[in-house]
Protein backbone atom coordinates (compact mmCIF):
# COMPACT_ATOMS: atom_id res chain seq x y z
CA MET A 1 -10.74 -67.28 17.13
CA LEU A 2 -8.38 -64.27 17.09
CA PRO A 3 -5.51 -64.02 19.44
CA LEU A 4 -5.87 -61.78 22.48
CA ASN A 5 -3.53 -59.07 21.21
CA GLN A 6 -5.45 -58.59 18.01
CA GLU A 7 -8.74 -58.19 19.88
CA LEU A 8 -7.16 -55.59 22.11
CA LEU A 9 -5.87 -53.69 19.11
CA PHE A 10 -9.30 -53.74 17.49
CA ALA A 11 -10.89 -52.38 20.68
CA VAL A 12 -8.39 -49.57 21.04
CA GLY A 13 -8.80 -48.66 17.36
CA GLY A 14 -12.57 -48.46 17.70
CA LEU A 15 -12.27 -46.29 20.80
CA LEU A 16 -9.88 -43.89 19.10
CA GLY A 17 -12.17 -43.67 16.07
CA GLY A 18 -15.14 -42.73 18.29
CA VAL A 19 -13.12 -40.07 20.12
CA LEU A 20 -11.99 -38.65 16.78
CA LEU A 21 -15.53 -38.51 15.48
CA MET A 22 -16.70 -36.72 18.63
CA ALA A 23 -13.93 -34.16 18.32
CA VAL A 24 -14.81 -33.49 14.70
CA ALA A 25 -18.49 -33.02 15.65
CA VAL A 26 -17.62 -30.59 18.45
CA TRP A 27 -15.37 -28.55 16.10
CA ILE A 28 -18.11 -28.36 13.46
CA ARG A 29 -20.75 -27.26 16.04
CA GLY A 30 -18.43 -24.55 17.41
CA LYS A 31 -17.79 -23.27 13.91
CA GLN A 32 -21.56 -23.04 13.29
CA ARG A 33 -22.10 -21.13 16.52
CA ARG A 34 -19.35 -18.67 15.65
CA GLU A 35 -20.90 -18.09 12.25
CA GLN A 36 -24.37 -17.56 13.82
CA LEU A 37 -22.93 -15.14 16.39
CA ALA A 38 -21.19 -13.15 13.67
CA SER A 39 -24.42 -13.05 11.64
CA ALA A 40 -26.45 -11.92 14.69
CA LYS A 41 -23.92 -9.15 15.41
CA SER A 42 -24.16 -7.89 11.85
CA ILE A 43 -27.96 -7.91 11.97
CA ALA A 44 -27.93 -6.08 15.33
CA ALA A 45 -25.56 -3.48 13.96
CA ARG A 46 -27.79 -2.97 10.92
CA ILE A 47 -30.91 -2.60 13.14
CA ILE A 48 -29.16 -0.10 15.40
CA GLU A 49 -28.08 1.92 12.38
CA GLU A 50 -31.63 1.96 10.97
CA ALA A 51 -33.00 2.96 14.40
CA LYS A 52 -30.59 5.87 14.59
CA LYS A 53 -31.67 7.03 11.14
CA ASP A 54 -35.39 6.76 12.09
CA ALA A 55 -34.75 8.62 15.35
CA ALA A 56 -33.01 11.43 13.52
CA SER A 57 -35.87 11.64 11.03
CA ILE A 58 -38.51 11.68 13.81
CA LYS A 59 -36.57 14.31 15.72
CA LYS A 60 -36.36 16.47 12.62
CA GLU A 61 -40.13 16.14 11.97
CA ALA A 62 -40.90 16.97 15.61
CA GLU A 63 -38.77 20.08 15.43
CA ILE A 64 -40.57 21.17 12.25
CA GLN A 65 -44.00 20.54 13.85
CA ALA A 66 -42.97 22.44 17.00
CA LYS A 67 -41.88 25.41 14.92
CA ASP A 68 -45.19 25.33 12.98
CA SER A 69 -47.19 25.17 16.23
CA VAL A 70 -45.28 28.10 17.72
CA LEU A 71 -45.86 30.14 14.58
CA LYS A 72 -49.58 29.30 14.59
CA GLU A 73 -50.02 30.15 18.27
CA ARG A 74 -48.14 33.42 17.74
CA ALA A 75 -50.51 34.29 14.84
CA ASP A 76 -53.57 33.44 16.98
CA LEU A 77 -52.27 35.51 19.87
CA GLU A 78 -51.66 38.51 17.62
CA LYS A 79 -55.18 38.17 16.23
CA GLU A 80 -56.68 38.07 19.74
CA LEU A 81 -54.65 41.11 20.74
CA ARG A 82 -55.93 43.02 17.69
CA GLU A 83 -59.54 42.11 18.53
CA ALA A 84 -59.03 43.07 22.19
CA ARG A 85 -57.64 46.46 21.15
CA ARG A 86 -60.59 46.98 18.81
CA GLU A 87 -63.10 46.06 21.57
CA GLN A 88 -61.33 48.36 24.01
CA GLN A 89 -61.54 51.24 21.55
CA ASN A 90 -65.29 50.57 21.06
CA GLN A 91 -65.87 50.54 24.82
CA GLU A 92 -63.95 53.79 25.18
CA ARG A 93 -66.16 55.40 22.53
CA ARG A 94 -69.33 54.11 24.29
CA LEU A 95 -68.10 55.40 27.66
CA ILE A 96 -67.42 58.80 26.19
CA GLY A 97 -70.95 58.88 24.76
CA LYS A 98 -72.45 57.81 28.11
CA GLU A 99 -70.52 60.47 29.97
CA GLU A 100 -71.86 63.12 27.62
CA SER A 101 -75.41 61.79 28.11
CA ILE A 102 -74.96 61.77 31.90
CA ASP A 103 -73.76 65.36 31.83
CA LYS A 104 -76.85 66.39 29.87
CA ARG A 105 -79.14 64.55 32.33
CA ALA A 106 -77.38 66.13 35.28
CA ASP A 107 -78.03 69.59 33.83
CA SER A 108 -81.69 68.69 33.28
CA LEU A 109 -82.01 67.36 36.84
CA ASP A 110 -80.53 70.52 38.27
CA LYS A 111 -83.13 72.55 36.40
CA ARG A 112 -85.95 70.26 37.60
CA GLU A 113 -84.68 70.40 41.19
CA SER A 114 -84.79 74.15 41.19
CA GLU A 115 -88.33 74.03 39.74
CA VAL A 116 -89.41 71.51 42.40
CA GLY A 117 -87.99 73.70 45.10
CA ARG A 118 -90.08 76.62 43.92
CA ARG A 119 -93.24 74.46 43.78
CA ASP A 120 -92.53 72.98 47.21
CA ALA A 121 -92.36 76.44 48.73
CA ALA A 122 -95.69 77.34 47.09
CA LEU A 123 -97.30 74.11 48.34
CA LYS A 124 -96.09 74.68 51.90
CA ALA A 125 -97.64 78.11 51.85
CA ARG A 126 -100.95 76.68 50.60
CA GLU A 127 -100.80 73.85 53.15
CA LYS A 128 -100.34 76.33 55.97
CA ASN A 129 -103.32 78.31 54.75
CA ILE A 130 -105.44 75.11 54.53
CA GLU A 131 -104.45 74.04 58.05
CA GLU A 132 -105.50 77.38 59.41
CA LYS A 133 -108.87 77.10 57.63
CA ALA A 134 -109.32 73.46 58.84
CA ALA A 135 -108.63 74.50 62.41
CA GLU A 136 -111.26 77.24 62.07
CA CYS A 137 -113.76 74.71 60.67
CA ASP A 138 -113.07 72.23 63.50
CA ARG A 139 -113.58 74.99 66.06
CA ARG A 140 -116.90 75.96 64.54
CA ILE A 141 -118.02 72.28 64.20
CA ASN A 142 -117.20 71.65 67.87
CA GLU A 143 -119.19 74.68 68.89
CA ALA A 144 -122.16 73.54 66.77
CA ARG A 145 -121.89 69.98 68.17
CA LYS A 146 -121.93 71.28 71.76
CA GLN A 147 -125.02 73.33 71.01
CA LEU A 148 -126.71 70.24 69.42
CA GLU A 149 -125.82 68.03 72.39
CA GLN A 150 -127.32 70.61 74.77
CA VAL A 151 -130.52 70.74 72.68
CA ALA A 152 -130.79 66.91 72.20
CA GLY A 153 -129.89 65.99 75.75
CA MET A 154 -127.34 63.27 74.71
CA THR A 155 -123.70 63.13 73.78
CA ARG A 156 -122.30 62.50 70.31
CA GLU A 157 -121.32 58.88 71.10
CA GLU A 158 -124.73 58.13 72.54
CA ALA A 159 -126.47 59.57 69.47
CA LYS A 160 -124.17 57.59 67.13
CA LYS A 161 -124.81 54.33 69.04
CA SER A 162 -128.57 54.92 69.02
CA LEU A 163 -128.57 55.59 65.29
CA ILE A 164 -126.40 52.54 64.53
CA ASP A 165 -128.61 50.26 66.66
CA GLU A 166 -131.72 51.52 64.94
CA MET A 167 -130.18 51.02 61.49
CA VAL A 168 -128.94 47.50 62.39
CA GLU A 169 -132.37 46.41 63.61
CA GLU A 170 -134.03 47.83 60.55
CA ALA A 171 -131.47 46.12 58.27
CA LYS A 172 -131.95 42.77 60.05
CA HIS A 173 -135.71 43.01 59.69
CA ASP A 174 -135.53 43.98 56.02
CA SER A 175 -132.94 41.29 55.24
CA ALA A 176 -134.98 38.57 57.01
CA LYS A 177 -138.06 39.61 55.08
CA ARG A 178 -136.14 39.69 51.83
CA ILE A 179 -134.49 36.33 52.47
CA ARG A 180 -137.85 34.71 53.26
CA VAL A 181 -139.38 36.14 50.11
CA ILE A 182 -136.41 35.02 48.00
CA GLU A 183 -136.45 31.51 49.49
CA GLU A 184 -140.19 31.16 48.91
CA GLU A 185 -139.89 32.43 45.34
CA ALA A 186 -136.91 30.14 44.68
CA LYS A 187 -138.75 27.10 46.09
CA GLU A 188 -141.88 27.87 44.11
CA GLU A 189 -139.88 28.41 40.94
CA ALA A 190 -137.82 25.25 41.48
CA VAL A 191 -140.91 23.13 42.17
CA ARG A 192 -142.73 24.61 39.20
CA LYS A 193 -139.82 24.06 36.81
CA SER A 194 -139.04 20.56 38.06
CA GLN A 195 -142.69 19.53 37.82
CA LYS A 196 -142.89 20.98 34.33
CA ILE A 197 -139.72 19.18 33.19
CA ILE A 198 -140.80 15.85 34.67
CA ALA A 199 -144.33 16.19 33.31
CA LEU A 200 -143.03 16.97 29.82
CA ALA A 201 -140.64 14.03 29.95
CA ILE A 202 -143.33 11.61 31.15
CA GLU A 203 -146.10 12.74 28.78
CA ARG A 204 -143.75 12.32 25.81
CA LEU A 205 -143.28 8.63 26.63
CA ALA A 206 -145.85 5.86 26.45
CA GLY A 207 -144.36 3.02 28.50
CA ASP A 208 -145.50 -0.59 28.61
CA PHE A 209 -147.25 -2.16 31.57
CA VAL A 210 -145.70 -5.30 32.99
CA ALA A 211 -147.01 -8.40 34.68
CA GLU A 212 -145.56 -10.81 37.23
CA ARG A 213 -143.00 -13.23 35.87
CA SER A 214 -140.93 -15.71 37.81
CA VAL A 215 -140.79 -18.94 35.75
CA THR A 216 -141.48 -19.95 32.16
CA VAL A 217 -144.48 -22.18 31.53
CA PHE A 218 -144.22 -24.25 28.35
CA PRO A 219 -147.51 -25.60 26.96
CA LEU A 220 -147.62 -29.11 25.43
CA PRO A 221 -149.95 -30.32 22.67
CA ASN A 222 -150.78 -33.41 24.77
CA ASP A 223 -149.68 -35.22 27.92
CA GLU A 224 -148.07 -38.07 25.94
CA LEU A 225 -145.10 -35.82 25.21
CA LYS A 226 -144.25 -35.71 28.93
CA GLY A 227 -143.03 -39.30 28.71
CA LYS A 228 -140.83 -38.47 25.70
CA ILE A 229 -139.41 -35.43 27.47
CA ILE A 230 -138.56 -37.51 30.54
CA GLY A 231 -137.21 -40.44 28.51
CA ARG A 232 -136.22 -43.91 29.60
CA GLU A 233 -135.12 -43.73 33.25
CA GLY A 234 -135.12 -39.91 32.91
CA ARG A 235 -132.18 -39.74 30.51
CA ASN A 236 -133.78 -37.16 28.21
CA ILE A 237 -134.74 -34.69 30.94
CA ARG A 238 -131.32 -35.11 32.59
CA ALA A 239 -129.58 -34.45 29.28
CA LEU A 240 -131.72 -31.34 28.68
CA GLU A 241 -131.07 -30.01 32.19
CA ALA A 242 -127.32 -30.67 31.87
CA ALA A 243 -127.10 -28.96 28.46
CA THR A 244 -129.12 -25.87 29.44
CA GLY A 245 -128.28 -25.54 33.16
CA ILE A 246 -131.92 -25.15 34.21
CA ASP A 247 -134.56 -27.30 35.94
CA LEU A 248 -137.53 -28.88 34.16
CA ILE A 249 -140.56 -29.54 36.35
CA VAL A 250 -142.89 -32.17 34.89
CA ASP A 251 -145.77 -32.70 37.33
CA ASP A 252 -149.47 -33.54 37.22
CA THR A 253 -150.41 -30.18 35.65
CA PRO A 254 -152.07 -31.12 32.38
CA GLU A 255 -150.22 -30.33 29.14
CA THR A 256 -147.67 -28.12 30.91
CA VAL A 257 -143.93 -28.19 31.64
CA VAL A 258 -142.45 -25.58 33.99
CA ILE A 259 -138.97 -24.27 33.12
CA SER A 260 -137.26 -22.94 36.25
CA GLY A 261 -133.84 -21.33 36.42
CA HIS A 262 -132.04 -18.32 37.86
CA ASN A 263 -130.49 -17.25 34.54
CA PRO A 264 -133.21 -15.86 32.22
CA ILE A 265 -131.07 -16.38 29.10
CA ARG A 266 -130.57 -20.06 29.90
CA ARG A 267 -134.29 -20.32 30.62
CA GLU A 268 -135.05 -18.87 27.19
CA ILE A 269 -132.57 -21.30 25.55
CA ALA A 270 -134.32 -24.18 27.30
CA ARG A 271 -137.76 -22.95 26.16
CA LEU A 272 -136.61 -22.55 22.56
CA SER A 273 -134.89 -25.97 22.59
CA LEU A 274 -137.96 -27.66 24.08
CA GLU A 275 -140.16 -26.00 21.45
CA LYS A 276 -137.98 -27.37 18.63
CA LEU A 277 -137.79 -30.86 20.16
CA VAL A 278 -141.55 -31.04 20.63
CA SER A 279 -142.27 -29.84 17.09
CA ASP A 280 -139.69 -32.27 15.63
CA GLY A 281 -140.73 -35.25 17.75
CA ARG A 282 -137.21 -36.73 17.91
CA ILE A 283 -136.17 -36.48 21.56
CA HIS A 284 -132.98 -38.25 22.64
CA PRO A 285 -129.71 -37.09 24.28
CA GLY A 286 -127.76 -36.65 21.02
CA ARG A 287 -130.57 -34.67 19.39
CA ILE A 288 -131.00 -32.62 22.58
CA GLU A 289 -127.35 -31.45 22.55
CA GLU A 290 -127.59 -30.52 18.85
CA VAL A 291 -130.81 -28.54 19.34
CA VAL A 292 -129.45 -26.74 22.42
CA ARG A 293 -126.34 -25.63 20.47
CA LYS A 294 -128.52 -24.25 17.67
CA SER A 295 -130.76 -22.51 20.20
CA GLU A 296 -127.74 -20.90 21.86
CA GLN A 297 -126.61 -19.53 18.48
CA GLU A 298 -130.10 -18.18 17.80
CA ILE A 299 -130.27 -16.53 21.24
CA ASP A 300 -126.84 -14.95 20.68
CA GLU A 301 -128.05 -13.52 17.39
CA ALA A 302 -131.30 -12.33 19.03
CA ILE A 303 -129.27 -10.64 21.80
CA ARG A 304 -127.12 -8.82 19.25
CA GLU A 305 -130.17 -7.71 17.26
CA ALA A 306 -131.95 -6.53 20.42
CA GLY A 307 -128.93 -4.43 21.39
CA GLN A 308 -128.64 -2.92 17.92
CA LYS A 309 -132.37 -2.15 17.84
CA ALA A 310 -132.14 -0.40 21.21
CA ILE A 311 -129.19 1.67 19.98
CA PHE A 312 -131.09 2.56 16.80
CA ASP A 313 -134.34 3.41 18.64
CA VAL A 314 -132.61 5.70 21.13
CA GLY A 315 -130.52 7.34 18.40
CA VAL A 316 -126.98 6.96 19.73
CA HIS A 317 -123.95 5.94 17.68
CA GLY A 318 -120.41 4.69 18.12
CA VAL A 319 -121.22 2.19 20.90
CA HIS A 320 -118.68 -0.64 21.28
CA PRO A 321 -119.95 -4.02 19.93
CA GLU A 322 -119.41 -5.67 23.33
CA LEU A 323 -121.60 -3.04 25.01
CA ILE A 324 -124.26 -3.63 22.33
CA LYS A 325 -124.16 -7.34 23.12
CA LEU A 326 -124.43 -6.70 26.87
CA LEU A 327 -127.32 -4.32 26.22
CA GLY A 328 -129.10 -7.05 24.27
CA ARG A 329 -128.71 -9.46 27.21
CA LEU A 330 -130.90 -7.11 29.25
CA LYS A 331 -133.82 -8.20 27.05
CA TYR A 332 -133.98 -11.35 29.18
CA ARG A 333 -133.38 -9.62 32.52
CA TYR A 334 -136.25 -8.41 34.74
CA SER A 335 -136.22 -6.16 37.82
CA TYR A 336 -139.41 -6.25 39.90
CA ALA A 337 -141.12 -7.77 36.81
CA GLN A 338 -139.99 -4.79 34.68
CA ASN A 339 -137.91 -5.68 31.62
CA VAL A 340 -134.51 -4.04 32.11
CA LEU A 341 -133.91 -3.35 28.40
CA LEU A 342 -137.28 -1.63 28.00
CA HIS A 343 -136.63 0.23 31.26
CA SER A 344 -133.24 1.43 29.91
CA ILE A 345 -134.79 2.63 26.63
CA GLU A 346 -137.60 4.35 28.54
CA ALA A 347 -135.11 6.03 30.92
CA ALA A 348 -133.07 7.17 27.89
CA PHE A 349 -136.06 8.96 26.37
CA ILE A 350 -137.02 10.53 29.73
CA CYS A 351 -133.43 11.66 30.37
CA GLY A 352 -133.14 13.10 26.85
CA ALA A 353 -136.41 15.04 27.26
CA MET A 354 -135.27 16.53 30.56
CA ALA A 355 -131.87 17.41 29.08
CA VAL A 356 -133.58 19.33 26.26
CA GLU A 357 -135.64 21.30 28.77
CA LEU A 358 -132.47 22.15 30.72
CA GLY A 359 -130.46 23.09 27.63
CA LEU A 360 -128.06 20.12 27.93
CA ASN A 361 -126.74 17.66 25.34
CA GLU A 362 -129.71 15.39 24.53
CA LYS A 363 -127.72 12.59 22.84
CA GLN A 364 -125.22 12.41 25.68
CA ALA A 365 -128.07 12.22 28.22
CA ARG A 366 -129.79 9.44 26.23
CA ARG A 367 -126.52 7.52 25.93
CA ALA A 368 -125.84 7.66 29.68
CA ALA A 369 -129.40 6.60 30.59
CA LEU A 370 -129.44 3.77 28.02
CA LEU A 371 -126.21 2.30 29.49
CA HIS A 372 -126.96 3.02 33.17
CA ASP A 373 -128.06 -0.58 33.97
CA ILE A 374 -125.52 -2.33 31.70
CA GLY A 375 -123.93 -3.89 34.78
CA LYS A 376 -127.08 -6.00 35.36
CA ALA A 377 -126.11 -8.06 32.30
CA VAL A 378 -123.18 -9.58 34.23
CA ASP A 379 -123.93 -8.84 37.90
CA HIS A 380 -124.68 -12.54 38.52
CA GLU A 381 -121.13 -13.30 37.31
CA VAL A 382 -119.20 -10.40 38.91
CA GLU A 383 -119.20 -9.32 42.56
CA GLY A 384 -120.32 -5.78 43.40
CA SER A 385 -123.00 -3.20 42.71
CA HIS A 386 -124.40 -3.22 39.17
CA ALA A 387 -123.72 0.54 38.95
CA ILE A 388 -119.99 0.10 39.68
CA ILE A 389 -119.80 -2.97 37.40
CA GLY A 390 -121.50 -1.04 34.59
CA ALA A 391 -119.16 1.94 35.02
CA GLU A 392 -116.12 -0.35 34.77
CA LEU A 393 -117.51 -1.95 31.60
CA ALA A 394 -118.22 1.48 30.06
CA ARG A 395 -114.68 2.66 30.91
CA LYS A 396 -113.21 -0.56 29.49
CA TYR A 397 -115.03 -0.15 26.18
CA GLY A 398 -114.13 3.51 25.58
CA GLU A 399 -117.05 5.55 26.96
CA SER A 400 -116.30 9.14 28.05
CA PRO A 401 -115.64 9.99 31.75
CA LYS A 402 -119.01 11.82 31.95
CA ILE A 403 -120.90 8.70 30.87
CA VAL A 404 -118.86 6.50 33.22
CA ASN A 405 -119.54 8.78 36.20
CA ALA A 406 -123.26 9.01 35.38
CA ILE A 407 -123.50 5.19 35.35
CA ALA A 408 -121.54 4.79 38.59
CA ALA A 409 -123.40 7.56 40.45
CA HIS A 410 -127.01 6.77 39.48
CA HIS A 411 -127.44 4.90 42.80
CA GLU A 412 -125.09 7.25 44.71
CA ASP A 413 -122.35 4.61 44.98
CA VAL A 414 -119.89 7.35 44.00
CA LYS A 415 -120.07 11.15 44.02
CA ALA A 416 -121.70 12.82 41.01
CA GLU A 417 -119.20 14.93 39.06
CA THR A 418 -121.52 16.42 36.41
CA ILE A 419 -125.19 17.39 36.06
CA LEU A 420 -125.60 14.27 33.88
CA ALA A 421 -125.41 11.92 36.89
CA PRO A 422 -128.44 13.28 38.84
CA LEU A 423 -130.33 13.54 35.54
CA VAL A 424 -129.80 9.80 34.88
CA ASP A 425 -130.73 9.06 38.51
CA ALA A 426 -134.01 10.99 38.10
CA ALA A 427 -134.83 9.27 34.78
CA ASP A 428 -134.14 5.85 36.35
CA ALA A 429 -136.44 6.63 39.29
CA LEU A 430 -139.19 8.01 37.03
CA SER A 431 -139.12 4.97 34.76
CA GLY A 432 -139.28 2.56 37.69
CA ALA A 433 -141.78 4.53 39.80
CA ARG A 434 -144.42 5.42 37.20
CA PRO A 435 -147.79 3.61 37.57
CA GLY A 436 -147.76 0.19 35.97
CA ALA A 437 -144.00 0.08 35.53
CA ARG A 438 -143.27 -2.49 38.22
CA ARG A 439 -145.32 -5.00 40.12
CA GLU A 440 -144.37 -7.19 43.00
CA MET A 441 -145.85 -10.43 44.21
CA MET A 442 -148.30 -9.85 47.04
CA GLU A 443 -146.19 -11.81 49.51
CA THR A 444 -143.05 -9.77 48.71
CA TYR A 445 -145.00 -6.51 48.80
CA THR A 446 -146.59 -7.29 52.20
CA ARG A 447 -143.26 -8.41 53.65
CA ARG A 448 -141.61 -5.18 52.53
CA LEU A 449 -144.28 -3.02 54.19
CA GLU A 450 -144.03 -5.01 57.42
CA GLU A 451 -140.25 -4.70 57.42
CA LEU A 452 -140.54 -0.94 56.81
CA GLU A 453 -142.87 -0.41 59.77
CA ARG A 454 -140.76 -2.70 62.00
CA ILE A 455 -137.62 -0.64 61.36
CA VAL A 456 -139.46 2.62 62.12
CA ASN A 457 -141.23 1.41 65.27
CA ALA A 458 -137.89 0.36 66.81
CA PHE A 459 -136.92 4.04 67.29
CA LYS A 460 -137.58 5.58 70.71
CA GLY A 461 -140.42 8.10 70.81
CA VAL A 462 -142.32 6.68 67.78
CA GLU A 463 -146.03 6.49 68.56
CA LYS A 464 -147.45 5.24 65.24
CA SER A 465 -146.17 4.67 61.70
CA TYR A 466 -148.03 4.27 58.43
CA ALA A 467 -146.63 3.01 55.12
CA VAL A 468 -148.52 4.82 52.35
CA GLN A 469 -148.33 5.16 48.55
CA ALA A 470 -147.52 1.48 48.07
CA GLY A 471 -144.58 1.69 50.44
CA ARG A 472 -142.96 4.69 48.77
CA GLU A 473 -143.59 6.88 51.82
CA ILE A 474 -143.54 6.21 55.56
CA ARG A 475 -145.31 8.67 57.87
CA ILE A 476 -144.24 8.59 61.52
CA MET A 477 -146.15 10.10 64.46
CA VAL A 478 -143.83 10.81 67.41
CA GLN A 479 -144.54 11.74 71.05
CA HIS A 480 -144.04 15.47 71.49
CA ASP A 481 -142.76 15.14 75.07
CA LEU A 482 -139.99 12.70 74.05
CA VAL A 483 -138.98 14.11 70.65
CA SER A 484 -138.20 17.80 70.03
CA ASP A 485 -138.30 19.56 66.67
CA ASP A 486 -134.54 19.16 66.29
CA ASP A 487 -134.80 15.50 67.29
CA ALA A 488 -137.51 14.99 64.67
CA ALA A 489 -135.19 16.16 61.88
CA ARG A 490 -132.38 13.98 63.20
CA MET A 491 -134.74 10.98 63.52
CA ALA A 492 -135.86 11.35 59.89
CA ARG A 493 -132.24 11.17 58.72
CA GLU A 494 -131.43 8.18 60.94
CA ILE A 495 -134.54 6.26 59.83
CA ALA A 496 -133.73 6.94 56.16
CA ARG A 497 -130.15 5.69 56.62
CA LYS A 498 -131.32 2.54 58.40
CA ILE A 499 -133.87 1.77 55.68
CA GLU A 500 -131.12 2.17 53.04
CA ASN A 501 -128.81 -0.20 54.92
CA GLU A 502 -131.33 -2.94 55.82
CA MET A 503 -133.89 -3.04 53.00
CA THR A 504 -134.06 -3.63 49.25
CA TYR A 505 -136.73 -1.66 47.40
CA PRO A 506 -137.40 -0.05 44.00
CA GLY A 507 -137.11 3.73 43.59
CA GLN A 508 -136.96 5.73 46.82
CA ILE A 509 -138.89 5.94 50.12
CA LYS A 510 -139.90 9.30 51.59
CA VAL A 511 -139.58 9.50 55.40
CA THR A 512 -141.91 12.03 57.08
CA VAL A 513 -141.68 12.58 60.86
CA ILE A 514 -144.71 14.41 62.32
CA ARG A 515 -144.55 16.03 65.77
CA GLU A 516 -147.67 17.71 67.09
CA MET A 517 -148.29 19.40 70.43
CA ARG A 518 -151.84 20.41 71.39
CA ALA A 519 -152.76 22.69 74.30
CA VAL A 520 -156.42 22.27 75.37
CA ASP A 521 -158.34 24.24 77.96
CA TYR A 522 -161.96 24.98 78.72
CA ALA A 523 -163.69 28.29 79.48
CA LYS A 524 -166.28 27.86 82.22
């Protein structure tokens, strides 16, 4: 162990060494900072010098550019001044020329003015002479008029009024006669031409007669097949009804199955499927579904072929495939027992014949009439009138506005815009109203006549009513003391509107109101 003095010396020596080291470090750091500061000052001086040189160079370039710009602007200004002087000289020359022209015109006007003055004086002299002669004529006319008034015994105004009244009465009489003759000739000519056109159109068409048809009756070879059709616990008949969407009625009628359904296409699918099942003999749910699918494909093909055949028979082209398919569906649609597809083809021929007689486009008329009932193909699936539905389908599949309007207006659901619309309406009515075209069941027919007479008899003043011509005309006898001639015309319109609103009927119904007043007396 060292003595205390030595330890103290060692401690003091260490302390002094640390202080010395710190002082050396501080001196070195100060020297470095002074060197950095000197270097930074030299760099700053060099940058400032370079900046001054760049500024002098930029200033010199700017001065050169300014001088160039001033020289250029001065050249442009001198050029503009030269052009302005040249334009001014041109205008001065034009003004000089105009002044010379104006001077010439002024001389010419002076000459004309003097000539006009001479003519004006001559005209005034002639005018004065004419006025004197006119005054002399008026004096002589007045004297002659006074003498005529004394001889006739009436004044001039009275004679003029009498003559005018006589001429007016004569003109009214002649015009009334002429109007009556023209109206009668026009009516006769219109009736004659319309009858000729309709007769020609009808005689050129040989339409089919139709029979009543409400359900499809399927004949069976024997009654044993009824059990197979029904199946164990009715599984076969249920499967067939579920696959086709129709009802099968198997009753005590010998060798007969009744196929009943609202949709005629489904009814035809069921008939065709039942025919295949009966001929094959294998009747079970799996076989039924397979046969129904094949029958649906066959019916689709038959629909397409029927539409194409109708298009070919009528002679129209460029019809959209979807419209052809819808047209084929009408083969299985009936209206008052009349086949709608055959009715459309028939109406097309009638409409085309009438169009030829009127000098219109025959193919366009046939096209419109062929498609006029196209809405009936889907009217059980879409709400609304079949005419409006058909028009929307025709518009959707690219038919012309004339065809679309003719389809929509053939039942007066919309206003007719062309002559084609009433022509299609007439062809539709002729096809449906001709003898043998449509037949109704007796019950429906009787109910319609009773409803027609009930509507008519509800009007005040009706004495008797008779439905004639199979319900296509209603004749009404009214009481003459309750219904005037004007009231009779109004009543006919009101009855027609009420029948349209409350009844459903084929074609049209003619309403005839008859008012008769008899005066009876006896000579004794």
